[in-house]
PDB file of N, CA and C in Angstrom:
ATOM      1  N   MET A   1       0.814  -1.196   0.000  1.00  0.00           N
ATOM      2  CA  MET A   1       0.000   0.000   0.000  1.00  0.00           C
ATOM      3  C   MET A   1       0.862   1.266   0.000  1.00  0.00           C
ATOM      4  N   GLY A   2       1.986   1.242   0.703  1.00  0.00           N
ATOM      5  CA  GLY A   2       2.866   2.401   0.766  1.00  0.00           C
ATOM      6  C   GLY A   2       3.507   2.711  -0.569  1.00  0.00           C
ATOM      7  N   ASN A   3       3.849   1.670  -1.337  1.00  0.00           N
ATOM      8  CA  ASN A   3       4.467   1.889  -2.648  1.00  0.00           C
ATOM      9  C   ASN A   3       3.499   2.557  -3.617  1.00  0.00           C
ATOM     10  N   ILE A   4       2.228   2.200  -3.541  1.00  0.00           N
ATOM     11  CA  ILE A   4       1.219   2.823  -4.402  1.00  0.00           C
ATOM     12  C   ILE A   4       1.099   4.308  -4.063  1.00  0.00           C
ATOM     13  N   HIS A   5       1.111   4.625  -2.773  1.00  0.00           N
ATOM     14  CA  HIS A   5       1.007   6.023  -2.346  1.00  0.00           C
ATOM     15  C   HIS A   5       2.189   6.834  -2.882  1.00  0.00           C
ATOM     16  N   ILE A   6       3.370   6.279  -2.793  1.00  0.00           N
ATOM     17  CA  ILE A   6       4.560   6.971  -3.308  1.00  0.00           C
ATOM     18  C   ILE A   6       4.451   7.162  -4.814  1.00  0.00           C
ATOM     19  N   PHE A   7       4.005   6.128  -5.522  1.00  0.00           N
ATOM     20  CA  PHE A   7       3.865   6.218  -6.969  1.00  0.00           C
ATOM     21  C   PHE A   7       2.816   7.263  -7.351  1.00  0.00           C
ATOM     22  N   CYS A   8       1.735   7.363  -6.575  1.00  0.00           N
ATOM     23  CA  CYS A   8       0.706   8.384  -6.818  1.00  0.00           C
ATOM     24  C   CYS A   8       1.300   9.782  -6.686  1.00  0.00           C
ATOM     25  N   ARG A   9       2.093   9.977  -5.648  1.00  0.00           N
ATOM     26  CA  ARG A   9       2.706  11.284  -5.415  1.00  0.00           C
ATOM     27  C   ARG A   9       3.722  11.633  -6.487  1.00  0.00           C
ATOM     28  N   ILE A  10       4.538  10.656  -6.878  1.00  0.00           N
ATOM     29  CA  ILE A  10       5.554  10.898  -7.908  1.00  0.00           C
ATOM     30  C   ILE A  10       4.889  11.207  -9.245  1.00  0.00           C
ATOM     31  N   SER A  11       3.898  10.408  -9.625  1.00  0.00           N
ATOM     32  CA  SER A  11       3.230  10.646 -10.912  1.00  0.00           C
ATOM     33  C   SER A  11       2.522  12.001 -10.911  1.00  0.00           C
ATOM     34  N   PHE A  12       1.931  12.368  -9.771  1.00  0.00           N
ATOM     35  CA  PHE A  12       1.274  13.676  -9.686  1.00  0.00           C
ATOM     36  C   PHE A  12       2.303  14.805  -9.795  1.00  0.00           C
ATOM     37  N   GLY A  13       3.443  14.630  -9.156  1.00  0.00           N
ATOM     38  CA  GLY A  13       4.498  15.646  -9.234  1.00  0.00           C
ATOM     39  C   GLY A  13       4.987  15.843 -10.659  1.00  0.00           C
ATOM     40  N   PHE A  14       5.212  14.738 -11.363  1.00  0.00           N
ATOM     41  CA  PHE A  14       5.658  14.845 -12.754  1.00  0.00           C
ATOM     42  C   PHE A  14       4.540  15.406 -13.641  1.00  0.00           C
ATOM     43  N   ALA A  15       3.307  15.030 -13.389  1.00  0.00           N
ATOM     44  CA  ALA A  15       2.186  15.569 -14.171  1.00  0.00           C
ATOM     45  C   ALA A  15       2.101  17.084 -13.988  1.00  0.00           C
ATOM     46  N   THR A  16       2.269  17.537 -12.753  1.00  0.00           N
ATOM     47  CA  THR A  16       2.233  18.974 -12.468  1.00  0.00           C
ATOM     48  C   THR A  16       3.391  19.688 -13.156  1.00  0.00           C
ATOM     49  N   LEU A  17       4.590  19.127 -13.034  1.00  0.00           N
ATOM     50  CA  LEU A  17       5.773  19.722 -13.662  1.00  0.00           C
ATOM     51  C   LEU A  17       5.593  19.844 -15.169  1.00  0.00           C
ATOM     52  N   PHE A  18       5.174  18.756 -15.818  1.00  0.00           N
ATOM     53  CA  PHE A  18       5.043  18.789 -17.270  1.00  0.00           C
ATOM     54  C   PHE A  18       3.839  19.612 -17.723  1.00  0.00           C
ATOM     55  N   ALA A  19       2.832  19.766 -16.883  1.00  0.00           N
ATOM     56  CA  ALA A  19       1.720  20.667 -17.214  1.00  0.00           C
ATOM     57  C   ALA A  19       2.215  22.106 -17.263  1.00  0.00           C
ATOM     58  N   ILE A  20       3.012  22.483 -16.281  1.00  0.00           N
ATOM     59  CA  ILE A  20       3.574  23.838 -16.249  1.00  0.00           C
ATOM     60  C   ILE A  20       4.491  24.054 -17.442  1.00  0.00           C
ATOM     61  N   LEU A  21       5.379  23.097 -17.704  1.00  0.00           N
ATOM     62  CA  LEU A  21       6.295  23.221 -18.844  1.00  0.00           C
ATOM     63  C   LEU A  21       5.536  23.281 -20.161  1.00  0.00           C
ATOM     64  N   SER A  22       4.474  22.511 -20.286  1.00  0.00           N
ATOM     65  CA  SER A  22       3.670  22.531 -21.515  1.00  0.00           C
ATOM     66  C   SER A  22       3.025  23.896 -21.716  1.00  0.00           C
ATOM     67  N   ALA A  23       2.462  24.443 -20.659  1.00  0.00           N
ATOM     68  CA  ALA A  23       1.823  25.761 -20.762  1.00  0.00           C
ATOM     69  C   ALA A  23       2.847  26.823 -21.144  1.00  0.00           C
ATOM     70  N   VAL A  24       4.014  26.777 -20.518  1.00  0.00           N
ATOM     71  CA  VAL A  24       5.072  27.749 -20.832  1.00  0.00           C
ATOM     72  C   VAL A  24       5.531  27.591 -22.279  1.00  0.00           C
ATOM     73  N   LEU A  25       5.683  26.355 -22.736  1.00  0.00           N
ATOM     74  CA  LEU A  25       6.137  26.117 -24.107  1.00  0.00           C
ATOM     75  C   LEU A  25       5.092  26.578 -25.126  1.00  0.00           C
ATOM     76  N   ILE A  26       3.826  26.316 -24.867  1.00  0.00           N
ATOM     77  CA  ILE A  26       2.781  26.781 -25.789  1.00  0.00           C
ATOM     78  C   ILE A  26       2.790  28.304 -25.874  1.00  0.00           C
ATOM     79  N   ILE A  27       2.911  28.971 -24.739  1.00  0.00           N
ATOM     80  CA  ILE A  27       2.967  30.444 -24.724  1.00  0.00           C
ATOM     81  C   ILE A  27       4.207  30.930 -25.459  1.00  0.00           C
ATOM     82  N   ALA A  28       5.358  30.279 -25.237  1.00  0.00           N
ATOM     83  CA  ALA A  28       6.593  30.676 -25.909  1.00  0.00           C
ATOM     84  C   ALA A  28       6.474  30.521 -27.427  1.00  0.00           C
ATOM     85  N   ILE A  29       5.862  29.446 -27.880  1.00  0.00           N
ATOM     86  CA  ILE A  29       5.683  29.239 -29.319  1.00  0.00           C
ATOM     87  C   ILE A  29       4.765  30.319 -29.890  1.00  0.00           C
ATOM     88  N   LEU A  30       3.688  30.632 -29.176  1.00  0.00           N
ATOM     89  CA  LEU A  30       2.772  31.674 -29.653  1.00  0.00           C
ATOM     90  C   LEU A  30       3.462  33.033 -29.731  1.00  0.00           C
ATOM     91  N   VAL A  31       4.277  33.359 -28.740  1.00  0.00           N
ATOM     92  CA  VAL A  31       5.034  34.614 -28.768  1.00  0.00           C
ATOM     93  C   VAL A  31       6.012  34.607 -29.935  1.00  0.00           C
ATOM     94  N   TYR A  32       6.712  33.488 -30.132  1.00  0.00           N
ATOM     95  CA  TYR A  32       7.657  33.368 -31.239  1.00  0.00           C
ATOM     96  C   TYR A  32       6.947  33.520 -32.582  1.00  0.00           C
ATOM     97  N   LEU A  33       5.770  32.925 -32.712  1.00  0.00           N
ATOM     98  CA  LEU A  33       5.006  33.061 -33.958  1.00  0.00           C
ATOM     99  C   LEU A  33       4.627  34.513 -34.221  1.00  0.00           C
ATOM    100  N   GLY A  34       4.344  35.253 -33.160  1.00  0.00           N
ATOM    101  CA  GLY A  34       4.007  36.662 -33.308  1.00  0.00           C
ATOM    102  C   GLY A  34       5.176  37.503 -33.783  1.00  0.00           C
ATOM    103  N   GLN A  35       6.391  37.062 -33.459  1.00  0.00           N
ATOM    104  CA  GLN A  35       7.582  37.819 -33.831  1.00  0.00           C
ATOM    105  C   GLN A  35       8.235  37.318 -35.114  1.00  0.00           C
ATOM    106  N   ASN A  36       7.918  36.101 -35.529  1.00  0.00           N
ATOM    107  CA  ASN A  36       8.571  35.480 -36.680  1.00  0.00           C
ATOM    108  C   ASN A  36       7.586  35.434 -37.839  1.00  0.00           C
ATOM    109  N   SER A  37       7.841  36.257 -38.842  1.00  0.00           N
ATOM    110  CA  SER A  37       6.937  36.284 -39.992  1.00  0.00           C
ATOM    111  C   SER A  37       7.437  35.429 -41.150  1.00  0.00           C
ATOM    112  N   THR A  38       8.588  34.795 -41.001  1.00  0.00           N
ATOM    113  CA  THR A  38       9.177  34.044 -42.118  1.00  0.00           C
ATOM    114  C   THR A  38       8.560  32.666 -42.287  1.00  0.00           C
ATOM    115  N   GLY A  39       8.073  32.064 -41.228  1.00  0.00           N
ATOM    116  CA  GLY A  39       7.506  30.729 -41.318  1.00  0.00           C
ATOM    117  C   GLY A  39       8.510  29.623 -41.116  1.00  0.00           C
ATOM    118  N   HIS A  40       9.761  29.963 -40.858  1.00  0.00           N
ATOM    119  CA  HIS A  40      10.770  28.931 -40.590  1.00  0.00           C
ATOM    120  C   HIS A  40      11.570  29.288 -39.353  1.00  0.00           C
ATOM    121  N   THR A  41      12.218  28.276 -38.807  1.00  0.00           N
ATOM    122  CA  THR A  41      12.991  28.456 -37.590  1.00  0.00           C
ATOM    123  C   THR A  41      14.208  27.550 -37.613  1.00  0.00           C
ATOM    124  N   SER A  42      15.221  27.898 -36.854  1.00  0.00           N
ATOM    125  CA  SER A  42      16.432  27.082 -36.806  1.00  0.00           C
ATOM    126  C   SER A  42      16.324  25.957 -35.782  1.00  0.00           C
ATOM    127  N   VAL A  43      15.264  25.966 -34.998  1.00  0.00           N
ATOM    128  CA  VAL A  43      15.038  24.930 -33.988  1.00  0.00           C
ATOM    129  C   VAL A  43      13.908  24.027 -34.464  1.00  0.00           C
ATOM    130  N   GLN A  44      14.118  22.720 -34.408  1.00  0.00           N
ATOM    131  CA  GLN A  44      13.093  21.764 -34.826  1.00  0.00           C
ATOM    132  C   GLN A  44      11.877  21.885 -33.897  1.00  0.00           C
ATOM    133  N   PRO A  45      10.728  22.335 -34.413  1.00  0.00           N
ATOM    134  CA  PRO A  45       9.548  22.485 -33.548  1.00  0.00           C
ATOM    135  C   PRO A  45       9.122  21.186 -32.865  1.00  0.00           C
ATOM    136  N   TYR A  46       9.350  20.044 -33.510  1.00  0.00           N
ATOM    137  CA  TYR A  46       8.931  18.767 -32.930  1.00  0.00           C
ATOM    138  C   TYR A  46       9.749  18.384 -31.690  1.00  0.00           C
ATOM    139  N   LEU A  47      10.780  19.145 -31.357  1.00  0.00           N
ATOM    140  CA  LEU A  47      11.476  18.912 -30.083  1.00  0.00           C
ATOM    141  C   LEU A  47      10.533  19.167 -28.906  1.00  0.00           C
ATOM    142  N   GLY A  48       9.503  19.955 -29.137  1.00  0.00           N
ATOM    143  CA  GLY A  48       8.504  20.214 -28.103  1.00  0.00           C
ATOM    144  C   GLY A  48       7.775  18.962 -27.656  1.00  0.00           C
ATOM    145  N   LEU A  49       7.800  17.926 -28.492  1.00  0.00           N
ATOM    146  CA  LEU A  49       7.170  16.665 -28.090  1.00  0.00           C
ATOM    147  C   LEU A  49       7.861  16.070 -26.860  1.00  0.00           C
ATOM    148  N   GLY A  50       9.106  16.465 -26.623  1.00  0.00           N
ATOM    149  CA  GLY A  50       9.820  16.027 -25.430  1.00  0.00           C
ATOM    150  C   GLY A  50       9.192  16.555 -24.145  1.00  0.00           C
ATOM    151  N   ILE A  51       8.357  17.566 -24.261  1.00  0.00           N
ATOM    152  CA  ILE A  51       7.595  18.106 -23.129  1.00  0.00           C
ATOM    153  C   ILE A  51       6.150  17.619 -23.190  1.00  0.00           C
ATOM    154  N   PHE A  52       5.563  17.659 -24.381  1.00  0.00           N
ATOM    155  CA  PHE A  52       4.133  17.357 -24.505  1.00  0.00           C
ATOM    156  C   PHE A  52       3.802  15.881 -24.287  1.00  0.00           C
ATOM    157  N   ILE A  53       4.624  14.978 -24.778  1.00  0.00           N
ATOM    158  CA  ILE A  53       4.339  13.547 -24.612  1.00  0.00           C
ATOM    159  C   ILE A  53       4.416  13.130 -23.137  1.00  0.00           C
ATOM    160  N   PRO A  54       5.466  13.532 -22.386  1.00  0.00           N
ATOM    161  CA  PRO A  54       5.460  13.194 -20.955  1.00  0.00           C
ATOM    162  C   PRO A  54       4.274  13.815 -20.202  1.00  0.00           C
ATOM    163  N   ALA A  55       3.858  15.014 -20.583  1.00  0.00           N
ATOM    164  CA  ALA A  55       2.687  15.621 -19.933  1.00  0.00           C
ATOM    165  C   ALA A  55       1.457  14.766 -20.189  1.00  0.00           C
ATOM    166  N   LEU A  56       1.317  14.309 -21.406  1.00  0.00           N
ATOM    167  CA  LEU A  56       0.195  13.452 -21.770  1.00  0.00           C
ATOM    168  C   LEU A  56       0.228  12.141 -20.978  1.00  0.00           C
ATOM    169  N   LEU A  57       1.387  11.517 -20.931  1.00  0.00           N
ATOM    170  CA  LEU A  57       1.512  10.223 -20.251  1.00  0.00           C
ATOM    171  C   LEU A  57       1.374  10.345 -18.737  1.00  0.00           C
ATOM    172  N   PHE A  58       2.116  11.263 -18.127  1.00  0.00           N
ATOM    173  CA  PHE A  58       2.027  11.421 -16.676  1.00  0.00           C
ATOM    174  C   PHE A  58       0.649  11.932 -16.258  1.00  0.00           C
ATOM    175  N   GLY A  59       0.030  12.763 -17.102  1.00  0.00           N
ATOM    176  CA  GLY A  59      -1.325  13.219 -16.803  1.00  0.00           C
ATOM    177  C   GLY A  59      -2.298  12.054 -16.770  1.00  0.00           C
ATOM    178  N   ALA A  60      -2.177  11.147 -17.748  1.00  0.00           N
ATOM    179  CA  ALA A  60      -3.072   9.986 -17.804  1.00  0.00           C
ATOM    180  C   ALA A  60      -2.828   9.046 -16.626  1.00  0.00           C
ATOM    181  N   ILE A  61      -1.570   8.772 -16.331  1.00  0.00           N
ATOM    182  CA  ILE A  61      -1.231   7.864 -15.224  1.00  0.00           C
ATOM    183  C   ILE A  61      -1.680   8.459 -13.896  1.00  0.00           C
ATOM    184  N   SER A  62      -1.380   9.731 -13.700  1.00  0.00           N
ATOM    185  CA  SER A  62      -1.730  10.382 -12.440  1.00  0.00           C
ATOM    186  C   SER A  62      -3.246  10.488 -12.274  1.00  0.00           C
ATOM    187  N   ALA A  63      -3.968  10.768 -13.357  1.00  0.00           N
ATOM    188  CA  ALA A  63      -5.430  10.836 -13.272  1.00  0.00           C
ATOM    189  C   ALA A  63      -6.004   9.486 -12.881  1.00  0.00           C
ATOM    190  N   ARG A  64      -5.440   8.440 -13.427  1.00  0.00           N
ATOM    191  CA  ARG A  64      -5.912   7.077 -13.108  1.00  0.00           C
ATOM    192  C   ARG A  64      -5.644   6.730 -11.644  1.00  0.00           C
ATOM    193  N   LEU A  65      -4.466   7.113 -11.148  1.00  0.00           N
ATOM    194  CA  LEU A  65      -4.087   6.768  -9.780  1.00  0.00           C
ATOM    195  C   LEU A  65      -4.725   7.677  -8.726  1.00  0.00           C
ATOM    196  N   ASN A  66      -5.071   8.895  -9.112  1.00  0.00           N
ATOM    197  CA  ASN A  66      -5.567   9.878  -8.143  1.00  0.00           C
ATOM    198  C   ASN A  66      -7.043  10.198  -8.341  1.00  0.00           C
ATOM    199  N   ARG A  67      -7.821   9.234  -8.788  1.00  0.00           N
ATOM    200  CA  ARG A  67      -9.252   9.458  -9.004  1.00  0.00           C
ATOM    201  C   ARG A  67      -9.979   9.864  -7.730  1.00  0.00           C
ATOM    202  N   GLY A  68      -9.514   9.429  -6.595  1.00  0.00           N
ATOM    203  CA  GLY A  68     -10.191   9.715  -5.332  1.00  0.00           C
ATOM    204  C   GLY A  68      -9.922  11.104  -4.787  1.00  0.00           C
ATOM    205  N   SER A  69      -8.956  11.802  -5.349  1.00  0.00           N
ATOM    206  CA  SER A  69      -8.605  13.145  -4.886  1.00  0.00           C
ATOM    207  C   SER A  69      -8.949  14.155  -5.989  1.00  0.00           C
ATOM    208  N   PRO A  70     -10.062  14.878  -5.819  1.00  0.00           N
ATOM    209  CA  PRO A  70     -10.520  15.764  -6.901  1.00  0.00           C
ATOM    210  C   PRO A  70      -9.478  16.780  -7.369  1.00  0.00           C
ATOM    211  N   GLY A  71      -8.738  17.377  -6.442  1.00  0.00           N
ATOM    212  CA  GLY A  71      -7.741  18.372  -6.824  1.00  0.00           C
ATOM    213  C   GLY A  71      -6.633  17.777  -7.676  1.00  0.00           C
ATOM    214  N   LYS A  72      -6.096  16.657  -7.222  1.00  0.00           N
ATOM    215  CA  LYS A  72      -5.023  16.002  -7.976  1.00  0.00           C
ATOM    216  C   LYS A  72      -5.536  15.457  -9.303  1.00  0.00           C
ATOM    217  N   TYR A  73      -6.746  14.958  -9.290  1.00  0.00           N
ATOM    218  CA  TYR A  73      -7.346  14.423 -10.509  1.00  0.00           C
ATOM    219  C   TYR A  73      -7.495  15.525 -11.559  1.00  0.00           C
ATOM    220  N   ASN A  74      -7.987  16.690 -11.138  1.00  0.00           N
ATOM    221  CA  ASN A  74      -8.188  17.801 -12.069  1.00  0.00           C
ATOM    222  C   ASN A  74      -6.869  18.317 -12.631  1.00  0.00           C
ATOM    223  N   VAL A  75      -5.852  18.441 -11.781  1.00  0.00           N
ATOM    224  CA  VAL A  75      -4.533  18.876 -12.260  1.00  0.00           C
ATOM    225  C   VAL A  75      -3.978  17.858 -13.251  1.00  0.00           C
ATOM    226  N   SER A  76      -4.189  16.590 -12.979  1.00  0.00           N
ATOM    227  CA  SER A  76      -3.727  15.538 -13.885  1.00  0.00           C
ATOM    228  C   SER A  76      -4.429  15.625 -15.235  1.00  0.00           C
ATOM    229  N   LEU A  77      -5.721  15.924 -15.224  1.00  0.00           N
ATOM    230  CA  LEU A  77      -6.456  16.086 -16.477  1.00  0.00           C
ATOM    231  C   LEU A  77      -5.968  17.307 -17.254  1.00  0.00           C
ATOM    232  N   VAL A  78      -5.609  18.365 -16.537  1.00  0.00           N
ATOM    233  CA  VAL A  78      -5.054  19.553 -17.196  1.00  0.00           C
ATOM    234  C   VAL A  78      -3.718  19.201 -17.855  1.00  0.00           C
ATOM    235  N   ALA A  79      -2.876  18.439 -17.161  1.00  0.00           N
ATOM    236  CA  ALA A  79      -1.604  18.008 -17.743  1.00  0.00           C
ATOM    237  C   ALA A  79      -1.849  17.180 -18.994  1.00  0.00           C
ATOM    238  N   PHE A  80      -2.792  16.255 -18.912  1.00  0.00           N
ATOM    239  CA  PHE A  80      -3.141  15.409 -20.051  1.00  0.00           C
ATOM    240  C   PHE A  80      -3.616  16.263 -21.226  1.00  0.00           C
ATOM    241  N   ALA A  81      -4.489  17.224 -20.942  1.00  0.00           N
ATOM    242  CA  ALA A  81      -5.034  18.082 -21.996  1.00  0.00           C
ATOM    243  C   ALA A  81      -3.957  18.968 -22.619  1.00  0.00           C
ATOM    244  N   LEU A  82      -3.110  19.564 -21.785  1.00  0.00           N
ATOM    245  CA  LEU A  82      -2.046  20.423 -22.321  1.00  0.00           C
ATOM    246  C   LEU A  82      -1.059  19.625 -23.167  1.00  0.00           C
ATOM    247  N   GLY A  83      -0.742  18.417 -22.738  1.00  0.00           N
ATOM    248  CA  GLY A  83       0.153  17.574 -23.523  1.00  0.00           C
ATOM    249  C   GLY A  83      -0.442  17.220 -24.868  1.00  0.00           C
ATOM    250  N   GLY A  84      -1.707  16.834 -24.868  1.00  0.00           N
ATOM    251  CA  GLY A  84      -2.372  16.491 -26.124  1.00  0.00           C
ATOM    252  C   GLY A  84      -2.551  17.684 -27.042  1.00  0.00           C
ATOM    253  N   LEU A  85      -2.994  18.804 -26.483  1.00  0.00           N
ATOM    254  CA  LEU A  85      -3.186  20.008 -27.292  1.00  0.00           C
ATOM    255  C   LEU A  85      -1.860  20.546 -27.824  1.00  0.00           C
ATOM    256  N   GLY A  86      -0.824  20.476 -27.003  1.00  0.00           N
ATOM    257  CA  GLY A  86       0.492  20.933 -27.459  1.00  0.00           C
ATOM    258  C   GLY A  86       1.013  20.101 -28.618  1.00  0.00           C
ATOM    259  N   ALA A  87       0.852  18.778 -28.518  1.00  0.00           N
ATOM    260  CA  ALA A  87       1.294  17.892 -29.608  1.00  0.00           C
ATOM    261  C   ALA A  87       0.489  18.172 -30.874  1.00  0.00           C
ATOM    262  N   LEU A  88      -0.812  18.335 -30.741  1.00  0.00           N
ATOM    263  CA  LEU A  88      -1.649  18.650 -31.905  1.00  0.00           C
ATOM    264  C   LEU A  88      -1.310  20.021 -32.485  1.00  0.00           C
ATOM    265  N   PHE A  89      -0.951  20.950 -31.629  1.00  0.00           N
ATOM    266  CA  PHE A  89      -0.551  22.291 -32.075  1.00  0.00           C
ATOM    267  C   PHE A  89       0.703  22.203 -32.947  1.00  0.00           C
ATOM    268  N   LEU A  90       1.674  21.386 -32.540  1.00  0.00           N
ATOM    269  CA  LEU A  90       2.887  21.222 -33.344  1.00  0.00           C
ATOM    270  C   LEU A  90       2.573  20.599 -34.707  1.00  0.00           C
ATOM    271  N   VAL A  91       1.691  19.633 -34.712  1.00  0.00           N
ATOM    272  CA  VAL A  91       1.286  19.011 -35.975  1.00  0.00           C
ATOM    273  C   VAL A  91       0.582  20.041 -36.863  1.00  0.00           C
ATOM    274  N   TYR A  92      -0.280  20.845 -36.279  1.00  0.00           N
ATOM    275  CA  TYR A  92      -0.963  21.903 -37.042  1.00  0.00           C
ATOM    276  C   TYR A  92       0.053  22.870 -37.646  1.00  0.00           C
ATOM    277  N   LEU A  93       1.021  23.312 -36.843  1.00  0.00           N
ATOM    278  CA  LEU A  93       2.030  24.244 -37.347  1.00  0.00           C
ATOM    279  C   LEU A  93       2.793  23.651 -38.522  1.00  0.00           C
ATOM    280  N   ASP A  94       3.042  22.362 -38.470  1.00  0.00           N
ATOM    281  CA  ASP A  94       3.760  21.678 -39.547  1.00  0.00           C
ATOM    282  C   ASP A  94       2.890  21.578 -40.801  1.00  0.00           C
ATOM    283  N   PHE A  95       1.696  21.035 -40.668  1.00  0.00           N
ATOM    284  CA  PHE A  95       0.839  20.807 -41.840  1.00  0.00           C
ATOM    285  C   PHE A  95       0.338  22.095 -42.482  1.00  0.00           C
ATOM    286  N   SER A  96       0.235  23.155 -41.706  1.00  0.00           N
ATOM    287  CA  SER A  96      -0.218  24.433 -42.257  1.00  0.00           C
ATOM    288  C   SER A  96       0.946  25.291 -42.749  1.00  0.00           C
ATOM    289  N   ASN A  97       2.165  24.773 -42.642  1.00  0.00           N
ATOM    290  CA  ASN A  97       3.385  25.497 -43.039  1.00  0.00           C
ATOM    291  C   ASN A  97       3.541  26.814 -42.276  1.00  0.00           C
ATOM    292  N   THR A  98       3.019  26.864 -41.073  1.00  0.00           N
ATOM    293  CA  THR A  98       3.098  28.074 -40.262  1.00  0.00           C
ATOM    294  C   THR A  98       4.464  28.230 -39.613  1.00  0.00           C
ATOM    295  N   LEU A  99       5.024  27.133 -39.115  1.00  0.00           N
ATOM    296  CA  LEU A  99       6.339  27.174 -38.488  1.00  0.00           C
ATOM    297  C   LEU A  99       7.053  25.860 -38.780  1.00  0.00           C
ATOM    298  N   LEU A 100       8.078  25.951 -39.613  1.00  0.00           N
ATOM    299  CA  LEU A 100       8.810  24.762 -40.046  1.00  0.00           C
ATOM    300  C   LEU A 100      10.285  24.901 -39.722  1.00  0.00           C
ATOM    301  N   TYR A 101      10.906  23.748 -39.517  1.00  0.00           N
ATOM    302  CA  TYR A 101      12.357  23.693 -39.424  1.00  0.00           C
ATOM    303  C   TYR A 101      12.907  24.173 -40.765  1.00  0.00           C
ATOM    304  N   TYR A 102      13.984  24.949 -40.749  1.00  0.00           N
ATOM    305  CA  TYR A 102      14.469  25.620 -41.960  1.00  0.00           C
ATOM    306  C   TYR A 102      14.703  24.659 -43.125  1.00  0.00           C
ATOM    307  N   GLU A 103      15.319  23.511 -42.856  1.00  0.00           N
ATOM    308  CA  GLU A 103      15.582  22.549 -43.930  1.00  0.00           C
ATOM    309  C   GLU A 103      14.278  22.007 -44.522  1.00  0.00           C
ATOM    310  N   GLU A 104      13.295  21.773 -43.683  1.00  0.00           N
ATOM    311  CA  GLU A 104      11.989  21.311 -44.160  1.00  0.00           C
ATOM    312  C   GLU A 104      11.313  22.410 -44.978  1.00  0.00           C
ATOM    313  N   TRP A 105      11.478  23.641 -44.552  1.00  0.00           N
ATOM    314  CA  TRP A 105      10.924  24.789 -45.257  1.00  0.00           C
ATOM    315  C   TRP A 105      11.499  24.857 -46.672  1.00  0.00           C
ATOM    316  N   LEU A 106      12.806  24.636 -46.799  1.00  0.00           N
ATOM    317  CA  LEU A 106      13.448  24.644 -48.115  1.00  0.00           C
ATOM    318  C   LEU A 106      12.962  23.482 -48.970  1.00  0.00           C
ATOM    319  N   LYS A 107      12.837  22.274 -48.369  1.00  0.00           N
ATOM    320  CA  LYS A 107      12.368  21.101 -49.110  1.00  0.00           C
ATOM    321  C   LYS A 107      10.976  21.322 -49.692  1.00  0.00           C
ATOM    322  N   ARG A 108      10.154  22.036 -48.973  1.00  0.00           N
ATOM    323  CA  ARG A 108       8.779  22.285 -49.428  1.00  0.00           C
ATOM    324  C   ARG A 108       8.701  23.430 -50.421  1.00  0.00           C
ATOM    325  N   GLY A 109       9.857  24.051 -50.727  1.00  0.00           N
ATOM    326  CA  GLY A 109       9.897  25.120 -51.723  1.00  0.00           C
ATOM    327  C   GLY A 109       9.182  26.392 -51.305  1.00  0.00           C
ATOM    328  N   LEU A 110       9.300  26.748 -50.063  1.00  0.00           N
ATOM    329  CA  LEU A 110       8.589  27.932 -49.547  1.00  0.00           C
ATOM    330  C   LEU A 110       9.475  29.177 -49.508  1.00  0.00           C
ATOM    331  N   LEU A 111      10.352  29.315 -50.456  1.00  0.00           N
ATOM    332  CA  LEU A 111      11.239  30.485 -50.514  1.00  0.00           C
ATOM    333  C   LEU A 111      10.487  31.756 -50.770  1.00  0.00           C
TER     334      LEU A 111
END
């Protein structure tokens, strides 16, 4: 029983951490989009999946483990939602040619 409690706390901590990082990253991308009119960047946008996927996973795990605690459950769902929305946002930016890695931008002939 004690190991489950520790795992609940750890998963909730990581879900909270990655929820915050996801929110900050989404805001940073939106600010960058406002300042960058070229449509390309020197940083691979899909590196953001390194934040969004863990938020999605830890949010799901923590929500499952913390169903009995409304506060922790809700924070876990927020982490899950931010991770999923962030990943979908990156896919949207790619498919709409809004923000591409420079080499990909050149391959697509968007000069």
